[in-house]
């Protein structure tokens, strides 16, 4: 019983330490990441449209 309580406390402390060591992002960094994700999504969409247009031209 004592070992299981000690293991539980050790596990809880390990998780707490791991979560407290995470790097916190500032608002500016979060905005920058969001803008980059949107830009990547637009780029991927443009590539898909380009490929679809090439397929249509090739078929005709």
PDB file of N, CA and C in Angstrom:
ATOM      1  N   UNK A   1       0.826  -1.187   0.000  1.00  0.00           N
ATOM      2  CA  UNK A   1       0.000   0.000   0.000  1.00  0.00           C
ATOM      3  C   UNK A   1       0.871   1.253   0.000  1.00  0.00           C
ATOM      4  N   UNK A   2       1.904   1.234   0.800  1.00  0.00           N
ATOM      5  CA  UNK A   2       2.771   2.407   0.898  1.00  0.00           C
ATOM      6  C   UNK A   2       3.521   2.648  -0.411  1.00  0.00           C
ATOM      7  N   UNK A   3       3.951   1.545  -1.055  1.00  0.00           N
ATOM      8  CA  UNK A   3       4.664   1.680  -2.331  1.00  0.00           C
ATOM      9  C   UNK A   3       3.762   2.290  -3.403  1.00  0.00           C
ATOM     10  N   UNK A   4       2.497   1.868  -3.427  1.00  0.00           N
ATOM     11  CA  UNK A   4       1.592   2.391  -4.454  1.00  0.00           C
ATOM     12  C   UNK A   4       1.327   3.881  -4.222  1.00  0.00           C
ATOM     13  N   UNK A   5       1.225   4.309  -2.977  1.00  0.00           N
ATOM     14  CA  UNK A   5       1.029   5.729  -2.691  1.00  0.00           C
ATOM     15  C   UNK A   5       2.263   6.525  -3.106  1.00  0.00           C
ATOM     16  N   UNK A   6       3.442   6.001  -2.781  1.00  0.00           N
ATOM     17  CA  UNK A   6       4.682   6.681  -3.165  1.00  0.00           C
ATOM     18  C   UNK A   6       4.825   6.747  -4.690  1.00  0.00           C
ATOM     19  N   UNK A   7       4.477   5.668  -5.396  1.00  0.00           N
ATOM     20  CA  UNK A   7       4.554   5.668  -6.859  1.00  0.00           C
ATOM     21  C   UNK A   7       3.577   6.684  -7.444  1.00  0.00           C
ATOM     22  N   UNK A   8       2.378   6.777  -6.871  1.00  0.00           N
ATOM     23  CA  UNK A   8       1.394   7.744  -7.340  1.00  0.00           C
ATOM     24  C   UNK A   8       1.913   9.165  -7.145  1.00  0.00           C
ATOM     25  N   UNK A   9       2.450   9.450  -5.977  1.00  0.00           N
ATOM     26  CA  UNK A   9       2.986  10.789  -5.720  1.00  0.00           C
ATOM     27  C   UNK A   9       4.161  11.111  -6.633  1.00  0.00           C
ATOM     28  N   UNK A  10       5.037  10.134  -6.842  1.00  0.00           N
ATOM     29  CA  UNK A  10       6.173  10.329  -7.745  1.00  0.00           C
ATOM     30  C   UNK A  10       5.686  10.626  -9.166  1.00  0.00           C
ATOM     31  N   UNK A  11       4.686   9.864  -9.623  1.00  0.00           N
ATOM     32  CA  UNK A  11       4.136  10.083 -10.969  1.00  0.00           C
ATOM     33  C   UNK A  11       3.498  11.464 -11.074  1.00  0.00           C
ATOM     34  N   UNK A  12       2.767  11.846 -10.058  1.00  0.00           N
ATOM     35  CA  UNK A  12       2.115  13.148 -10.058  1.00  0.00           C
ATOM     36  C   UNK A  12       3.144  14.273 -10.095  1.00  0.00           C
ATOM     37  N   UNK A  13       4.210  14.141  -9.323  1.00  0.00           N
ATOM     38  CA  UNK A  13       5.257  15.162  -9.306  1.00  0.00           C
ATOM     39  C   UNK A  13       5.982  15.215 -10.654  1.00  0.00           C
ATOM     40  N   UNK A  14       6.210  14.058 -11.264  1.00  0.00           N
ATOM     41  CA  UNK A  14       6.881  14.017 -12.567  1.00  0.00           C
ATOM     42  C   UNK A  14       6.049  14.737 -13.623  1.00  0.00           C
ATOM     43  N   UNK A  15       4.761  14.487 -13.638  1.00  0.00           N
ATOM     44  CA  UNK A  15       3.876  15.163 -14.594  1.00  0.00           C
ATOM     45  C   UNK A  15       3.861  16.662 -14.329  1.00  0.00           C
ATOM     46  N   UNK A  16       3.802  17.045 -13.078  1.00  0.00           N
ATOM     47  CA  UNK A  16       3.801  18.468 -12.729  1.00  0.00           C
ATOM     48  C   UNK A  16       5.061  19.173 -13.181  1.00  0.00           C
ATOM     49  N   UNK A  17       6.190  18.536 -12.990  1.00  0.00           N
ATOM     50  CA  UNK A  17       7.462  19.129 -13.417  1.00  0.00           C
ATOM     51  C   UNK A  17       7.527  19.222 -14.937  1.00  0.00           C
ATOM     52  N   UNK A  18       7.088  18.176 -15.600  1.00  0.00           N
ATOM     53  CA  UNK A  18       7.127  18.174 -17.069  1.00  0.00           C
ATOM     54  C   UNK A  18       6.251  19.287 -17.640  1.00  0.00           C
ATOM     55  N   UNK A  19       5.086  19.502 -17.058  1.00  0.00           N
ATOM     56  CA  UNK A  19       4.184  20.540 -17.560  1.00  0.00           C
ATOM     57  C   UNK A  19       4.689  21.938 -17.227  1.00  0.00           C
ATOM     58  N   UNK A  20       5.365  22.087 -16.121  1.00  0.00           N
ATOM     59  CA  UNK A  20       5.846  23.414 -15.755  1.00  0.00           C
ATOM     60  C   UNK A  20       7.052  23.836 -16.589  1.00  0.00           C
ATOM     61  N   UNK A  21       7.701  22.896 -17.248  1.00  0.00           N
ATOM     62  CA  UNK A  21       8.879  23.203 -18.056  1.00  0.00           C
ATOM     63  C   UNK A  21       8.524  23.573 -19.493  1.00  0.00           C
ATOM     64  N   UNK A  22       7.249  23.529 -19.817  1.00  0.00           N
ATOM     65  CA  UNK A  22       6.853  23.875 -21.180  1.00  0.00           C
ATOM     66  C   UNK A  22       7.169  25.332 -21.465  1.00  0.00           C
ATOM     67  N   UNK A  23       7.521  25.582 -22.705  1.00  0.00           N
ATOM     68  CA  UNK A  23       7.830  26.949 -23.113  1.00  0.00           C
ATOM     69  C   UNK A  23       6.529  27.689 -23.408  1.00  0.00           C
ATOM     70  N   UNK A  24       6.330  28.789 -22.739  1.00  0.00           N
ATOM     71  CA  UNK A  24       5.137  29.595 -22.959  1.00  0.00           C
ATOM     72  C   UNK A  24       5.387  30.558 -24.116  1.00  0.00           C
ATOM     73  N   UNK A  25       4.407  30.674 -25.002  1.00  0.00           N
ATOM     74  CA  UNK A  25       4.527  31.577 -26.144  1.00  0.00           C
ATOM     75  C   UNK A  25       3.841  32.890 -25.826  1.00  0.00           C
ATOM     76  N   UNK A  26       4.440  33.963 -26.331  1.00  0.00           N
ATOM     77  CA  UNK A  26       3.811  35.272 -26.163  1.00  0.00           C
ATOM     78  C   UNK A  26       2.693  35.414 -27.193  1.00  0.00           C
ATOM     79  N   UNK A  27       1.895  36.445 -27.025  1.00  0.00           N
ATOM     80  CA  UNK A  27       0.786  36.677 -27.955  1.00  0.00           C
ATOM     81  C   UNK A  27       1.305  36.900 -29.369  1.00  0.00           C
ATOM     82  N   UNK A  28       2.417  37.614 -29.493  1.00  0.00           N
ATOM     83  CA  UNK A  28       2.992  37.869 -30.812  1.00  0.00           C
ATOM     84  C   UNK A  28       3.437  36.587 -31.492  1.00  0.00           C
ATOM     85  N   UNK A  29       4.026  35.677 -30.713  1.00  0.00           N
ATOM     86  CA  UNK A  29       4.465  34.405 -31.284  1.00  0.00           C
ATOM     87  C   UNK A  29       3.279  33.552 -31.708  1.00  0.00           C
ATOM     88  N   UNK A  30       2.204  33.594 -30.920  1.00  0.00           N
ATOM     89  CA  UNK A  30       1.009  32.842 -31.281  1.00  0.00           C
ATOM     90  C   UNK A  30       0.406  33.380 -32.571  1.00  0.00           C
ATOM     91  N   UNK A  31       0.374  34.698 -32.710  1.00  0.00           N
ATOM     92  CA  UNK A  31      -0.164  35.314 -33.931  1.00  0.00           C
ATOM     93  C   UNK A  31       0.707  34.953 -35.126  1.00  0.00           C
ATOM     94  N   UNK A  32       2.019  35.009 -34.935  1.00  0.00           N
ATOM     95  CA  UNK A  32       2.947  34.675 -36.016  1.00  0.00           C
ATOM     96  C   UNK A  32       2.757  33.226 -36.465  1.00  0.00           C
ATOM     97  N   UNK A  33       2.611  32.313 -35.524  1.00  0.00           N
ATOM     98  CA  UNK A  33       2.376  30.913 -35.865  1.00  0.00           C
ATOM     99  C   UNK A  33       1.069  30.742 -36.626  1.00  0.00           C
ATOM    100  N   UNK A  34       0.032  31.461 -36.201  1.00  0.00           N
ATOM    101  CA  UNK A  34      -1.252  31.382 -36.885  1.00  0.00           C
ATOM    102  C   UNK A  34      -1.173  31.885 -38.310  1.00  0.00           C
ATOM    103  N   UNK A  35      -0.463  32.987 -38.501  1.00  0.00           N
ATOM    104  CA  UNK A  35      -0.301  33.548 -39.847  1.00  0.00           C
ATOM    105  C   UNK A  35       0.467  32.573 -40.736  1.00  0.00           C
ATOM    106  N   UNK A  36       1.495  31.947 -40.186  1.00  0.00           N
ATOM    107  CA  UNK A  36       2.264  30.972 -40.959  1.00  0.00           C
ATOM    108  C   UNK A  36       1.401  29.779 -41.360  1.00  0.00           C
ATOM    109  N   UNK A  37       0.548  29.317 -40.436  1.00  0.00           N
ATOM    110  CA  UNK A  37      -0.333  28.193 -40.753  1.00  0.00           C
ATOM    111  C   UNK A  37      -1.317  28.559 -41.863  1.00  0.00           C
ATOM    112  N   UNK A  38      -1.864  29.761 -41.799  1.00  0.00           N
ATOM    113  CA  UNK A  38      -2.796  30.206 -42.834  1.00  0.00           C
ATOM    114  C   UNK A  38      -2.073  30.306 -44.175  1.00  0.00           C
ATOM    115  N   UNK A  39      -0.863  30.855 -44.154  1.00  0.00           N
ATOM    116  CA  UNK A  39      -0.074  30.965 -45.380  1.00  0.00           C
ATOM    117  C   UNK A  39       0.231  29.597 -45.977  1.00  0.00           C
ATOM    118  N   UNK A  40       0.565  28.637 -45.127  1.00  0.00           N
ATOM    119  CA  UNK A  40       0.827  27.279 -45.612  1.00  0.00           C
ATOM    120  C   UNK A  40      -0.424  26.674 -46.224  1.00  0.00           C
ATOM    121  N   UNK A  41      -1.569  26.913 -45.585  1.00  0.00           N
ATOM    122  CA  UNK A  41      -2.825  26.390 -46.114  1.00  0.00           C
ATOM    123  C   UNK A  41      -3.166  26.990 -47.465  1.00  0.00           C
ATOM    124  N   UNK A  42      -2.942  28.287 -47.616  1.00  0.00           N
ATOM    125  CA  UNK A  42      -3.201  28.947 -48.894  1.00  0.00           C
ATOM    126  C   UNK A  42      -2.271  28.402 -49.967  1.00  0.00           C
ATOM    127  N   UNK A  43      -1.011  28.213 -49.614  1.00  0.00           N
ATOM    128  CA  UNK A  43      -0.033  27.692 -50.577  1.00  0.00           C
ATOM    129  C   UNK A  43      -0.421  26.284 -51.034  1.00  0.00           C
ATOM    130  N   UNK A  44      -0.835  25.440 -50.086  1.00  0.00           N
ATOM    131  CA  UNK A  44      -1.247  24.081 -50.451  1.00  0.00           C
ATOM    132  C   UNK A  44      -2.484  24.107 -51.345  1.00  0.00           C
ATOM    133  N   UNK A  45      -3.429  24.980 -51.026  1.00  0.00           N
ATOM    134  CA  UNK A  45      -4.631  25.099 -51.848  1.00  0.00           C
ATOM    135  C   UNK A  45      -4.308  25.562 -53.258  1.00  0.00           C
ATOM    136  N   UNK A  46      -3.382  26.514 -53.377  1.00  0.00           N
ATOM    137  CA  UNK A  46      -2.987  27.005 -54.697  1.00  0.00           C
ATOM    138  C   UNK A  46      -2.313  25.908 -55.510  1.00  0.00           C
ATOM    139  N   UNK A  47      -1.501  25.096 -54.843  1.00  0.00           N
ATOM    140  CA  UNK A  47      -0.844  23.992 -55.545  1.00  0.00           C
ATOM    141  C   UNK A  47      -1.866  22.971 -56.042  1.00  0.00           C
ATOM    142  N   UNK A  48      -2.897  22.695 -55.217  1.00  0.00           N
ATOM    143  CA  UNK A  48      -3.935  21.756 -55.634  1.00  0.00           C
ATOM    144  C   UNK A  48      -4.712  22.295 -56.828  1.00  0.00           C
ATOM    145  N   UNK A  49      -5.009  23.586 -56.811  1.00  0.00           N
ATOM    146  CA  UNK A  49      -5.726  24.197 -57.936  1.00  0.00           C
ATOM    147  C   UNK A  49      -4.871  24.142 -59.194  1.00  0.00           C
ATOM    148  N   UNK A  50      -3.576  24.419 -59.047  1.00  0.00           N
ATOM    149  CA  UNK A  50      -2.663  24.369 -60.191  1.00  0.00           C
ATOM    150  C   UNK A  50      -2.616  22.964 -60.782  1.00  0.00           C
ATOM    151  N   UNK A  51      -2.523  21.947 -59.913  1.00  0.00           N
ATOM    152  CA  UNK A  51      -2.490  20.568 -60.394  1.00  0.00           C
ATOM    153  C   UNK A  51      -3.795  20.197 -61.086  1.00  0.00           C
ATOM    154  N   UNK A  52      -4.916  20.638 -60.533  1.00  0.00           N
ATOM    155  CA  UNK A  52      -6.214  20.347 -61.150  1.00  0.00           C
ATOM    156  C   UNK A  52      -6.320  21.023 -62.507  1.00  0.00           C
ATOM    157  N   UNK A  53      -5.831  22.261 -62.608  1.00  0.00           N
ATOM    158  CA  UNK A  53      -5.884  22.969 -63.887  1.00  0.00           C
ATOM    159  C   UNK A  53      -4.996  22.275 -64.915  1.00  0.00           C
ATOM    160  N   UNK A  54      -3.854  21.808 -64.509  1.00  0.00           N
ATOM    161  CA  UNK A  54      -2.967  21.081 -65.427  1.00  0.00           C
ATOM    162  C   UNK A  54      -3.622  19.785 -65.891  1.00  0.00           C
ATOM    163  N   UNK A  55      -4.317  19.103 -64.993  1.00  0.00           N
ATOM    164  CA  UNK A  55      -5.014  17.861 -65.365  1.00  0.00           C
ATOM    165  C   UNK A  55      -6.100  18.152 -66.388  1.00  0.00           C
ATOM    166  N   UNK A  56      -6.821  19.254 -66.230  1.00  0.00           N
ATOM    167  CA  UNK A  56      -7.889  19.600 -67.165  1.00  0.00           C
ATOM    168  C   UNK A  56      -7.286  19.924 -68.525  1.00  0.00           C
ATOM    169  N   UNK A  57      -6.181  20.647 -68.539  1.00  0.00           N
ATOM    170  CA  UNK A  57      -5.541  21.025 -69.807  1.00  0.00           C
ATOM    171  C   UNK A  57      -5.009  19.763 -70.490  1.00  0.00           C
ATOM    172  N   UNK A  58      -4.429  18.868 -69.720  1.00  0.00           N
ATOM    173  CA  UNK A  58      -3.888  17.622 -70.283  1.00  0.00           C
ATOM    174  C   UNK A  58      -4.995  16.749 -70.862  1.00  0.00           C
ATOM    175  N   UNK A  59      -6.172  16.765 -70.246  1.00  0.00           N
ATOM    176  CA  UNK A  59      -7.270  15.924 -70.710  1.00  0.00           C
ATOM    177  C   UNK A  59      -7.892  16.442 -71.995  1.00  0.00           C
ATOM    178  N   UNK A  60      -7.725  17.730 -72.280  1.00  0.00           N
ATOM    179  CA  UNK A  60      -8.372  18.293 -73.476  1.00  0.00           C
ATOM    180  C   UNK A  60      -7.375  18.480 -74.529  1.00  0.00           C
TER     181      UNK A  60
END
